[in-house]
Each structure stands twice: as C-alpha cells, then as structure tokens.
C-alpha cells in the first residue's frame, strides 16, 4: 500500500470516530508507523498537529450540526467530547469568531474541510540541463544562495553569477575582491 493510501486510511479512521475520543495510537498503526513518527509526518505535510486537525474538524462539523438541526449546545458539547457547554462555547467562539447562537441565527462559521492526501508529479524535465554549481550559505542571516546555470557553459556562467552576487551583497571589499 502506498504512503498516501495509508495516510488517507488514517484520516478515514479519524473521520469515522470524530465524535469519540480519538485513539492516536490506532491512527498511527493504520498509517504503519509509530505515533511520534506519524505525528511528525502529519504536521510536516499538513502544517497542523493531529490534535489541532481533530479539533478543527469537530468545530466545523458542530457548526454544520447547528445550521442543519435543532440540537442544543449542551448536546453538541457532549457529542464532541467537551467537558461542559461553556468549554464548548469558548472553543467554538475561538475557532469560528462568533458564539454558537450567532452561527445558528446568521449562518456565520468557518469551514474546515476534511484532509486528503495525494501525490501528483507532472512532467519529467524539472531543471533539465540545469546544475547547481554554486551554493553559498550565510550563517548570520540563515540565507542560502544557489545558482542554477545552463550546463553548456556552467563554469563561466556560475562565475559571472557569483561575481554579480558578491558585488551586490558583500560589504567586505576584501571578500569581494577575492571573488572578482
């Protein structure tokens, strides 16, 4: 099974159990990795933690429940595993920017759609005939400079790019003179 399929199966488990306490270890097992690795991978790919994803999905579904049913706030709090209606209301207002009553009356809410994983690679000539010849790291500014040049005359093109970069970016004349 491919990585994206395993991750989608983990999301399917989360969505199927969204109204329950999510067993993060079971989610990681579905993805065929340890819990710590799954959490790191999930955050790296989605830019949200697993717990944050679950919370956002619950809040989005709670807004949907408010708009499409007559469910009471206390019932929503219980449905989505909040300890009290007050805790649920605080979390709801923090996420949506309005309390649940306003969402019900005016339909104002923030949608957080379900995540799905896909890998898509287009073409096969990315950076074709290009080669990184110069790589400069500036540790004081944490900036990396790379030059990609046409391989027909890489040395002279890289040298020209390096010289131009040095003249425009180095304030130390001695360092610039060594490159020129």
N, C-alpha and C. Protein backbone atom coordinates (compact mmCIF):
# COMPACT_ATOMS: atom_id res chain seq x y z
N UNK A 1 0.85 -1.19 0.00
CA UNK A 1 0.00 0.00 0.00
C UNK A 1 0.89 1.24 0.00
N UNK A 2 0.56 2.18 -0.77
CA UNK A 2 1.30 3.42 -0.94
C UNK A 2 1.11 4.35 0.27
N UNK A 3 2.09 5.25 0.48
CA UNK A 3 2.06 6.17 1.62
C UNK A 3 0.77 6.98 1.65
N UNK A 4 0.37 7.56 0.54
CA UNK A 4 -0.83 8.40 0.53
C UNK A 4 -2.08 7.59 0.86
N UNK A 5 -2.13 6.35 0.43
CA UNK A 5 -3.27 5.49 0.76
C UNK A 5 -3.34 5.21 2.26
N UNK A 6 -2.18 4.94 2.88
CA UNK A 6 -2.15 4.70 4.33
C UNK A 6 -2.58 5.94 5.10
N UNK A 7 -2.10 7.10 4.65
CA UNK A 7 -2.48 8.35 5.32
C UNK A 7 -3.98 8.62 5.16
N UNK A 8 -4.53 8.34 4.00
CA UNK A 8 -5.97 8.52 3.78
C UNK A 8 -6.78 7.54 4.62
N UNK A 9 -6.27 6.33 4.80
CA UNK A 9 -6.95 5.37 5.68
C UNK A 9 -6.94 5.87 7.14
N UNK A 10 -5.85 6.50 7.54
CA UNK A 10 -5.78 7.07 8.89
C UNK A 10 -6.81 8.20 9.04
N UNK A 11 -6.93 9.03 8.01
CA UNK A 11 -7.94 10.10 8.03
C UNK A 11 -9.34 9.51 8.06
N UNK A 12 -9.57 8.43 7.31
CA UNK A 12 -10.88 7.76 7.34
C UNK A 12 -11.22 7.30 8.75
N UNK A 13 -10.22 6.76 9.46
CA UNK A 13 -10.45 6.33 10.84
C UNK A 13 -10.83 7.52 11.73
N UNK A 14 -10.08 8.61 11.57
CA UNK A 14 -10.37 9.82 12.37
C UNK A 14 -11.78 10.30 12.09
N UNK A 15 -12.16 10.39 10.83
CA UNK A 15 -13.49 10.88 10.47
C UNK A 15 -14.58 9.95 10.97
N UNK A 16 -14.34 8.65 10.95
CA UNK A 16 -15.33 7.68 11.43
C UNK A 16 -15.51 7.74 12.94
N UNK A 17 -14.49 8.21 13.65
CA UNK A 17 -14.52 8.26 15.11
C UNK A 17 -14.46 9.70 15.64
N UNK A 18 -14.82 10.66 14.82
CA UNK A 18 -14.66 12.08 15.18
C UNK A 18 -15.48 12.47 16.41
N UNK A 19 -16.57 11.76 16.66
CA UNK A 19 -17.41 12.08 17.81
C UNK A 19 -16.95 11.36 19.08
N UNK A 20 -15.91 10.58 18.96
CA UNK A 20 -15.37 9.83 20.09
C UNK A 20 -13.99 10.39 20.45
N UNK A 21 -13.44 9.86 21.53
CA UNK A 21 -12.05 10.19 21.86
C UNK A 21 -11.18 9.45 20.86
N UNK A 22 -10.40 10.18 20.09
CA UNK A 22 -9.59 9.58 19.03
C UNK A 22 -8.40 8.85 19.65
N UNK A 23 -8.22 7.61 19.25
CA UNK A 23 -7.07 6.81 19.68
C UNK A 23 -5.93 7.10 18.71
N UNK A 24 -5.04 7.99 19.09
CA UNK A 24 -3.95 8.40 18.20
C UNK A 24 -3.02 7.24 17.86
N UNK A 25 -2.85 6.32 18.79
CA UNK A 25 -2.01 5.16 18.53
C UNK A 25 -2.61 4.29 17.43
N UNK A 26 -3.94 4.12 17.45
CA UNK A 26 -4.61 3.35 16.40
C UNK A 26 -4.46 4.04 15.04
N UNK A 27 -4.53 5.35 15.04
CA UNK A 27 -4.36 6.12 13.80
C UNK A 27 -2.96 5.87 13.24
N UNK A 28 -1.95 5.92 14.11
CA UNK A 28 -0.57 5.70 13.67
C UNK A 28 -0.39 4.27 13.16
N UNK A 29 -1.01 3.30 13.81
CA UNK A 29 -0.90 1.91 13.35
C UNK A 29 -1.51 1.73 11.96
N UNK A 30 -2.62 2.41 11.70
CA UNK A 30 -3.23 2.34 10.37
C UNK A 30 -2.27 2.89 9.32
N UNK A 31 -1.51 3.92 9.70
CA UNK A 31 -0.53 4.52 8.78
C UNK A 31 0.78 3.73 8.76
N UNK A 32 0.85 2.65 9.53
CA UNK A 32 2.01 1.76 9.57
C UNK A 32 3.27 2.45 10.08
N UNK A 33 3.13 3.23 11.13
CA UNK A 33 4.31 3.85 11.73
C UNK A 33 4.05 4.11 13.21
N UNK A 34 5.09 4.52 13.90
CA UNK A 34 4.96 4.83 15.32
C UNK A 34 4.15 6.11 15.49
N UNK A 35 3.64 6.32 16.69
CA UNK A 35 2.85 7.51 16.95
C UNK A 35 3.67 8.77 16.76
N UNK A 36 4.89 8.79 17.29
CA UNK A 36 5.71 10.00 17.16
C UNK A 36 6.06 10.28 15.69
N UNK A 37 6.35 9.24 14.95
CA UNK A 37 6.66 9.45 13.52
C UNK A 37 5.42 9.93 12.77
N UNK A 38 4.27 9.33 13.06
CA UNK A 38 3.04 9.75 12.39
C UNK A 38 2.74 11.22 12.70
N UNK A 39 2.87 11.60 13.96
CA UNK A 39 2.59 12.99 14.33
C UNK A 39 3.55 13.95 13.63
N UNK A 40 4.82 13.60 13.57
CA UNK A 40 5.79 14.45 12.87
C UNK A 40 5.47 14.54 11.38
N UNK A 41 5.17 13.40 10.77
CA UNK A 41 4.86 13.35 9.35
C UNK A 41 3.59 14.14 9.05
N UNK A 42 2.57 13.95 9.89
CA UNK A 42 1.29 14.64 9.69
C UNK A 42 1.50 16.15 9.76
N UNK A 43 2.24 16.60 10.76
CA UNK A 43 2.50 18.03 10.90
C UNK A 43 3.32 18.57 9.73
N UNK A 44 4.32 17.81 9.31
CA UNK A 44 5.18 18.24 8.21
C UNK A 44 4.38 18.44 6.92
N UNK A 45 3.47 17.51 6.65
CA UNK A 45 2.71 17.55 5.40
C UNK A 45 1.55 18.55 5.46
N UNK A 46 0.87 18.64 6.62
CA UNK A 46 -0.35 19.46 6.71
C UNK A 46 -0.14 20.82 7.35
N UNK A 47 0.94 20.99 8.08
CA UNK A 47 1.22 22.21 8.83
C UNK A 47 0.25 22.44 9.99
N UNK A 48 -0.43 21.38 10.43
CA UNK A 48 -1.24 21.41 11.65
C UNK A 48 -0.96 20.12 12.42
N UNK A 49 -1.08 20.19 13.73
CA UNK A 49 -0.89 18.98 14.52
C UNK A 49 -2.10 18.08 14.35
N UNK A 50 -1.94 16.83 14.71
CA UNK A 50 -3.05 15.88 14.64
C UNK A 50 -4.19 16.32 15.55
N UNK A 51 -3.85 16.73 16.77
CA UNK A 51 -4.88 17.18 17.71
C UNK A 51 -5.61 18.42 17.20
N UNK A 52 -4.86 19.33 16.58
CA UNK A 52 -5.47 20.54 16.03
C UNK A 52 -6.39 20.20 14.87
N UNK A 53 -5.99 19.26 14.04
CA UNK A 53 -6.85 18.83 12.94
C UNK A 53 -8.17 18.28 13.47
N UNK A 54 -8.09 17.41 14.46
CA UNK A 54 -9.30 16.82 15.04
C UNK A 54 -10.19 17.91 15.64
N UNK A 55 -9.60 18.85 16.36
CA UNK A 55 -10.37 19.94 16.95
C UNK A 55 -11.04 20.80 15.88
N UNK A 56 -10.32 21.14 14.84
CA UNK A 56 -10.88 21.95 13.76
C UNK A 56 -12.01 21.22 13.03
N UNK A 57 -11.83 19.94 12.78
CA UNK A 57 -12.89 19.17 12.13
C UNK A 57 -14.13 19.11 13.02
N UNK A 58 -13.94 18.90 14.31
CA UNK A 58 -15.09 18.86 15.22
C UNK A 58 -15.83 20.19 15.23
N UNK A 59 -15.09 21.28 15.26
CA UNK A 59 -15.73 22.60 15.27
C UNK A 59 -16.48 22.86 13.96
N UNK A 60 -15.92 22.42 12.85
CA UNK A 60 -16.58 22.59 11.56
C UNK A 60 -17.86 21.75 11.51
N UNK A 61 -17.79 20.52 11.98
CA UNK A 61 -18.97 19.66 12.00
C UNK A 61 -20.01 20.16 12.98
N UNK A 62 -19.56 20.73 14.10
CA UNK A 62 -20.50 21.29 15.08
C UNK A 62 -21.28 22.45 14.46
N UNK A 63 -20.61 23.29 13.69
CA UNK A 63 -21.30 24.40 13.02
C UNK A 63 -22.32 23.85 12.03
N UNK A 64 -21.96 22.81 11.33
CA UNK A 64 -22.88 22.17 10.39
C UNK A 64 -24.10 21.62 11.14
N UNK A 65 -23.87 21.00 12.29
CA UNK A 65 -24.97 20.49 13.11
C UNK A 65 -25.89 21.62 13.57
N UNK A 66 -25.30 22.74 13.98
CA UNK A 66 -26.11 23.89 14.42
C UNK A 66 -27.00 24.41 13.30
N UNK A 67 -26.47 24.46 12.10
CA UNK A 67 -27.22 25.01 10.97
C UNK A 67 -28.27 24.06 10.43
N UNK A 68 -28.06 22.77 10.58
CA UNK A 68 -28.94 21.79 9.94
C UNK A 68 -29.81 20.98 10.90
N UNK A 69 -29.84 21.37 12.16
CA UNK A 69 -30.67 20.64 13.12
C UNK A 69 -31.05 21.58 14.27
N UNK A 70 -31.87 21.06 15.15
CA UNK A 70 -32.29 21.82 16.34
C UNK A 70 -31.52 21.37 17.58
N UNK A 71 -30.36 20.82 17.40
CA UNK A 71 -29.57 20.30 18.52
C UNK A 71 -29.22 21.42 19.49
N UNK A 72 -29.23 21.10 20.76
CA UNK A 72 -28.90 22.09 21.80
C UNK A 72 -27.39 22.12 22.01
N UNK A 73 -26.92 23.25 22.53
CA UNK A 73 -25.48 23.44 22.77
C UNK A 73 -24.95 22.37 23.72
N UNK A 74 -25.71 22.06 24.75
CA UNK A 74 -25.26 21.05 25.72
C UNK A 74 -25.11 19.69 25.04
N UNK A 75 -25.99 19.39 24.10
CA UNK A 75 -25.89 18.13 23.36
C UNK A 75 -24.69 18.12 22.41
N UNK A 76 -24.41 19.28 21.81
CA UNK A 76 -23.21 19.38 20.96
C UNK A 76 -21.94 19.20 21.77
N UNK A 77 -21.92 19.80 22.95
CA UNK A 77 -20.75 19.68 23.82
C UNK A 77 -20.50 18.21 24.16
N UNK A 78 -21.56 17.49 24.47
CA UNK A 78 -21.43 16.06 24.78
C UNK A 78 -21.05 15.27 23.54
N UNK A 79 -21.67 15.60 22.41
CA UNK A 79 -21.41 14.87 21.16
C UNK A 79 -19.94 14.94 20.76
N UNK A 80 -19.32 16.11 20.96
CA UNK A 80 -17.93 16.29 20.54
C UNK A 80 -16.95 16.25 21.71
N UNK A 81 -17.35 15.61 22.80
CA UNK A 81 -16.48 15.30 23.95
C UNK A 81 -15.94 16.50 24.69
N UNK A 82 -16.74 17.54 24.87
CA UNK A 82 -16.34 18.67 25.70
C UNK A 82 -16.88 18.46 27.10
N UNK A 83 -16.11 18.91 28.09
CA UNK A 83 -16.48 18.67 29.48
C UNK A 83 -17.70 19.45 29.92
N UNK A 84 -17.93 20.59 29.28
CA UNK A 84 -19.08 21.41 29.65
C UNK A 84 -19.53 22.23 28.44
N UNK A 85 -20.78 22.71 28.48
CA UNK A 85 -21.24 23.58 27.39
C UNK A 85 -20.42 24.88 27.32
N UNK A 86 -19.94 25.35 28.46
CA UNK A 86 -19.13 26.57 28.48
C UNK A 86 -17.79 26.35 27.77
N UNK A 87 -17.15 25.21 28.03
CA UNK A 87 -15.88 24.90 27.36
C UNK A 87 -16.10 24.77 25.86
N UNK A 88 -17.19 24.14 25.48
CA UNK A 88 -17.52 24.00 24.06
C UNK A 88 -17.75 25.37 23.42
N UNK A 89 -18.51 26.23 24.10
CA UNK A 89 -18.82 27.56 23.57
C UNK A 89 -17.55 28.38 23.40
N UNK A 90 -16.63 28.31 24.39
CA UNK A 90 -15.35 29.02 24.27
C UNK A 90 -14.55 28.53 23.07
N UNK A 91 -14.46 27.22 22.93
CA UNK A 91 -13.71 26.64 21.81
C UNK A 91 -14.37 27.00 20.48
N UNK A 92 -15.69 26.96 20.44
CA UNK A 92 -16.43 27.29 19.23
C UNK A 92 -16.18 28.75 18.83
N UNK A 93 -16.28 29.65 19.82
CA UNK A 93 -16.08 31.08 19.52
C UNK A 93 -14.64 31.36 19.11
N UNK A 94 -13.69 30.70 19.72
CA UNK A 94 -12.29 30.87 19.35
C UNK A 94 -12.07 30.44 17.91
N UNK A 95 -12.66 29.32 17.52
CA UNK A 95 -12.46 28.80 16.17
C UNK A 95 -13.23 29.60 15.12
N UNK A 96 -14.51 29.85 15.37
CA UNK A 96 -15.37 30.49 14.36
C UNK A 96 -15.42 32.01 14.46
N UNK A 97 -15.01 32.56 15.60
CA UNK A 97 -15.06 34.01 15.77
C UNK A 97 -16.41 34.52 16.24
N UNK A 98 -17.38 33.65 16.36
CA UNK A 98 -18.72 34.00 16.86
C UNK A 98 -19.21 32.86 17.75
N UNK A 99 -20.11 33.17 18.69
CA UNK A 99 -20.65 32.09 19.54
C UNK A 99 -21.62 31.21 18.74
N UNK A 100 -21.92 30.02 19.25
CA UNK A 100 -22.82 29.10 18.55
C UNK A 100 -24.19 29.70 18.22
N UNK A 101 -24.71 30.54 19.11
CA UNK A 101 -26.04 31.13 18.86
C UNK A 101 -26.03 32.01 17.61
N UNK A 102 -24.96 32.73 17.39
CA UNK A 102 -24.86 33.58 16.20
C UNK A 102 -24.73 32.73 14.95
N UNK A 103 -23.98 31.64 15.04
CA UNK A 103 -23.87 30.73 13.90
C UNK A 103 -25.25 30.19 13.53
N UNK A 104 -26.01 29.81 14.54
CA UNK A 104 -27.35 29.28 14.27
C UNK A 104 -28.25 30.34 13.65
N UNK A 105 -28.18 31.58 14.16
CA UNK A 105 -29.07 32.65 13.67
C UNK A 105 -28.64 33.20 12.31
N UNK A 106 -27.33 33.48 12.16
CA UNK A 106 -26.86 34.19 10.97
C UNK A 106 -26.08 33.31 9.98
N UNK A 107 -25.76 32.10 10.38
CA UNK A 107 -25.03 31.21 9.49
C UNK A 107 -23.56 31.55 9.32
N UNK A 108 -23.00 32.29 10.28
CA UNK A 108 -21.58 32.67 10.20
C UNK A 108 -20.75 31.56 10.84
N UNK A 109 -19.82 31.01 10.08
CA UNK A 109 -18.94 29.97 10.61
C UNK A 109 -17.73 29.82 9.70
N UNK A 110 -16.74 29.08 10.18
CA UNK A 110 -15.53 28.79 9.42
C UNK A 110 -15.56 27.31 9.05
N UNK A 111 -15.48 27.04 7.77
CA UNK A 111 -15.48 25.65 7.31
C UNK A 111 -14.05 25.13 7.33
N UNK A 112 -13.87 23.92 7.82
CA UNK A 112 -12.57 23.26 7.81
C UNK A 112 -12.77 21.90 7.15
N UNK A 113 -12.53 21.81 5.84
CA UNK A 113 -12.80 20.56 5.13
C UNK A 113 -11.84 19.44 5.52
N UNK A 114 -12.30 18.26 5.27
CA UNK A 114 -11.53 17.05 5.53
C UNK A 114 -10.25 17.07 4.68
N UNK A 115 -9.17 16.60 5.24
CA UNK A 115 -7.90 16.50 4.53
C UNK A 115 -7.88 15.19 3.74
N UNK A 116 -7.30 15.24 2.57
CA UNK A 116 -6.99 14.01 1.84
C UNK A 116 -5.58 14.16 1.26
N UNK A 117 -4.89 13.07 1.14
CA UNK A 117 -3.51 13.08 0.68
C UNK A 117 -3.44 12.55 -0.74
N UNK A 118 -2.70 13.27 -1.57
CA UNK A 118 -2.46 12.86 -2.94
C UNK A 118 -1.03 13.23 -3.30
N UNK A 119 -0.44 12.43 -4.13
CA UNK A 119 0.88 12.77 -4.66
C UNK A 119 0.71 12.94 -6.16
N UNK A 120 1.11 14.09 -6.65
CA UNK A 120 0.96 14.38 -8.07
C UNK A 120 2.28 14.93 -8.59
N UNK A 121 2.82 14.29 -9.58
CA UNK A 121 4.06 14.74 -10.20
C UNK A 121 3.77 14.96 -11.67
N UNK A 122 4.01 16.15 -12.14
CA UNK A 122 3.79 16.48 -13.54
C UNK A 122 5.11 16.62 -14.26
N UNK A 123 5.15 16.12 -15.46
CA UNK A 123 6.34 16.30 -16.29
C UNK A 123 7.53 15.52 -15.77
N UNK A 124 8.59 15.59 -16.52
CA UNK A 124 9.80 14.89 -16.12
C UNK A 124 11.04 15.65 -16.45
N UNK A 125 10.90 16.94 -16.72
CA UNK A 125 12.07 17.69 -17.11
C UNK A 125 12.33 18.86 -16.18
N UNK A 126 12.01 18.71 -14.92
CA UNK A 126 12.26 19.78 -13.95
C UNK A 126 13.75 20.01 -13.84
N UNK A 127 14.18 21.25 -14.07
CA UNK A 127 15.59 21.64 -14.03
C UNK A 127 16.45 20.83 -14.99
N UNK A 128 15.86 20.44 -16.12
CA UNK A 128 16.62 19.72 -17.12
C UNK A 128 17.73 20.62 -17.66
N UNK A 129 18.89 20.09 -17.79
CA UNK A 129 20.07 20.82 -18.25
C UNK A 129 20.47 21.95 -17.31
N UNK A 130 20.08 21.86 -16.08
CA UNK A 130 20.47 22.87 -15.10
C UNK A 130 21.23 22.15 -13.99
N UNK A 131 22.26 22.79 -13.51
CA UNK A 131 23.09 22.17 -12.48
C UNK A 131 23.46 23.23 -11.47
N UNK A 132 23.31 22.90 -10.21
CA UNK A 132 23.69 23.84 -9.16
C UNK A 132 25.20 23.77 -8.99
N UNK A 133 25.87 24.86 -9.35
CA UNK A 133 27.32 24.88 -9.25
C UNK A 133 27.83 25.68 -8.06
N UNK A 134 27.04 26.62 -7.61
CA UNK A 134 27.48 27.48 -6.52
C UNK A 134 26.43 27.41 -5.43
N UNK A 135 26.89 27.21 -4.24
CA UNK A 135 25.99 27.16 -3.09
C UNK A 135 26.64 27.99 -1.98
N UNK A 136 26.01 29.07 -1.60
CA UNK A 136 26.57 29.96 -0.59
C UNK A 136 25.64 29.98 0.61
N UNK A 137 26.20 29.78 1.78
CA UNK A 137 25.41 29.87 3.00
C UNK A 137 25.91 31.04 3.81
N UNK A 138 25.00 31.88 4.22
CA UNK A 138 25.33 32.99 5.11
C UNK A 138 24.77 32.64 6.48
N UNK A 139 25.62 32.29 7.39
CA UNK A 139 25.16 31.82 8.69
C UNK A 139 24.57 32.93 9.55
N UNK A 140 25.01 34.15 9.39
CA UNK A 140 24.49 35.23 10.22
C UNK A 140 23.03 35.54 9.89
N UNK A 141 22.63 35.39 8.61
CA UNK A 141 21.26 35.68 8.20
C UNK A 141 20.47 34.43 7.87
N UNK A 142 21.09 33.24 8.03
CA UNK A 142 20.45 31.98 7.69
C UNK A 142 19.90 31.99 6.27
N UNK A 143 20.62 32.56 5.35
CA UNK A 143 20.20 32.64 3.96
C UNK A 143 21.07 31.74 3.11
N UNK A 144 20.46 31.04 2.19
CA UNK A 144 21.19 30.16 1.28
C UNK A 144 21.04 30.74 -0.12
N UNK A 145 22.12 30.81 -0.85
CA UNK A 145 22.10 31.31 -2.21
C UNK A 145 22.59 30.18 -3.11
N UNK A 146 21.78 29.80 -4.09
CA UNK A 146 22.19 28.79 -5.06
C UNK A 146 22.04 29.38 -6.44
N UNK A 147 22.96 29.04 -7.31
CA UNK A 147 22.88 29.48 -8.70
C UNK A 147 22.67 28.26 -9.57
N UNK A 148 21.68 28.31 -10.43
CA UNK A 148 21.45 27.26 -11.40
C UNK A 148 21.81 27.83 -12.75
N UNK A 149 22.66 27.12 -13.47
CA UNK A 149 23.14 27.63 -14.76
C UNK A 149 22.99 26.57 -15.83
N UNK A 150 22.95 27.00 -17.07
CA UNK A 150 22.86 26.10 -18.20
C UNK A 150 24.15 25.31 -18.29
N UNK A 151 24.05 24.02 -18.50
CA UNK A 151 25.23 23.16 -18.49
C UNK A 151 26.11 23.30 -19.72
N UNK A 152 25.72 24.09 -20.71
CA UNK A 152 26.56 24.27 -21.89
C UNK A 152 27.84 25.02 -21.55
N UNK A 153 27.76 25.97 -20.63
CA UNK A 153 28.96 26.71 -20.19
C UNK A 153 28.82 26.98 -18.69
N UNK A 154 28.77 25.93 -17.88
CA UNK A 154 28.43 26.11 -16.47
C UNK A 154 29.45 26.91 -15.67
N UNK A 155 30.73 26.69 -15.90
CA UNK A 155 31.73 27.34 -15.07
C UNK A 155 31.73 28.85 -15.25
N UNK A 156 31.71 29.29 -16.49
CA UNK A 156 31.76 30.74 -16.71
C UNK A 156 30.45 31.40 -16.29
N UNK A 157 29.32 30.74 -16.54
CA UNK A 157 28.03 31.31 -16.13
C UNK A 157 27.94 31.38 -14.61
N UNK A 158 28.37 30.34 -13.92
CA UNK A 158 28.34 30.35 -12.46
C UNK A 158 29.28 31.41 -11.91
N UNK A 159 30.45 31.53 -12.54
CA UNK A 159 31.39 32.55 -12.10
C UNK A 159 30.82 33.95 -12.25
N UNK A 160 30.15 34.22 -13.37
CA UNK A 160 29.53 35.53 -13.58
C UNK A 160 28.43 35.80 -12.53
N UNK A 161 27.61 34.79 -12.29
CA UNK A 161 26.54 34.95 -11.29
C UNK A 161 27.11 35.19 -9.90
N UNK A 162 28.15 34.44 -9.55
CA UNK A 162 28.78 34.59 -8.25
C UNK A 162 29.39 35.99 -8.11
N UNK A 163 30.06 36.45 -9.13
CA UNK A 163 30.67 37.78 -9.11
C UNK A 163 29.60 38.86 -8.93
N UNK A 164 28.52 38.78 -9.71
CA UNK A 164 27.43 39.76 -9.59
C UNK A 164 26.81 39.73 -8.19
N UNK A 165 26.61 38.53 -7.68
CA UNK A 165 26.02 38.41 -6.35
C UNK A 165 26.95 39.01 -5.30
N UNK A 166 28.23 38.73 -5.39
CA UNK A 166 29.20 39.23 -4.42
C UNK A 166 29.26 40.75 -4.43
N UNK A 167 29.27 41.35 -5.61
CA UNK A 167 29.33 42.81 -5.71
C UNK A 167 28.09 43.45 -5.10
N UNK A 168 26.93 42.84 -5.31
CA UNK A 168 25.67 43.41 -4.81
C UNK A 168 25.38 43.10 -3.34
N UNK A 169 25.99 42.03 -2.80
CA UNK A 169 25.59 41.59 -1.47
C UNK A 169 26.68 41.58 -0.41
N UNK A 170 27.93 41.65 -0.80
CA UNK A 170 29.01 41.63 0.19
C UNK A 170 29.52 43.04 0.44
N UNK A 171 29.51 43.42 1.69
CA UNK A 171 30.01 44.76 2.01
C UNK A 171 31.52 44.75 2.23
N UNK A 172 32.11 43.60 2.48
CA UNK A 172 33.54 43.47 2.73
C UNK A 172 34.28 43.49 1.38
N UNK A 173 35.02 44.58 1.14
CA UNK A 173 35.72 44.75 -0.14
C UNK A 173 36.73 43.64 -0.37
N UNK A 174 37.44 43.19 0.67
CA UNK A 174 38.45 42.16 0.53
C UNK A 174 37.82 40.86 0.04
N UNK A 175 36.66 40.50 0.62
CA UNK A 175 35.97 39.29 0.20
C UNK A 175 35.50 39.41 -1.24
N UNK A 176 34.99 40.59 -1.60
CA UNK A 176 34.53 40.81 -2.97
C UNK A 176 35.68 40.70 -3.96
N UNK A 177 36.85 41.26 -3.58
CA UNK A 177 38.00 41.25 -4.47
C UNK A 177 38.47 39.82 -4.74
N UNK A 178 38.37 38.93 -3.75
CA UNK A 178 38.78 37.54 -3.94
C UNK A 178 37.90 36.85 -4.97
N UNK A 179 36.66 37.24 -5.04
CA UNK A 179 35.72 36.60 -5.99
C UNK A 179 35.85 37.22 -7.36
N UNK A 180 36.10 38.53 -7.43
CA UNK A 180 36.20 39.20 -8.72
C UNK A 180 37.42 38.71 -9.42
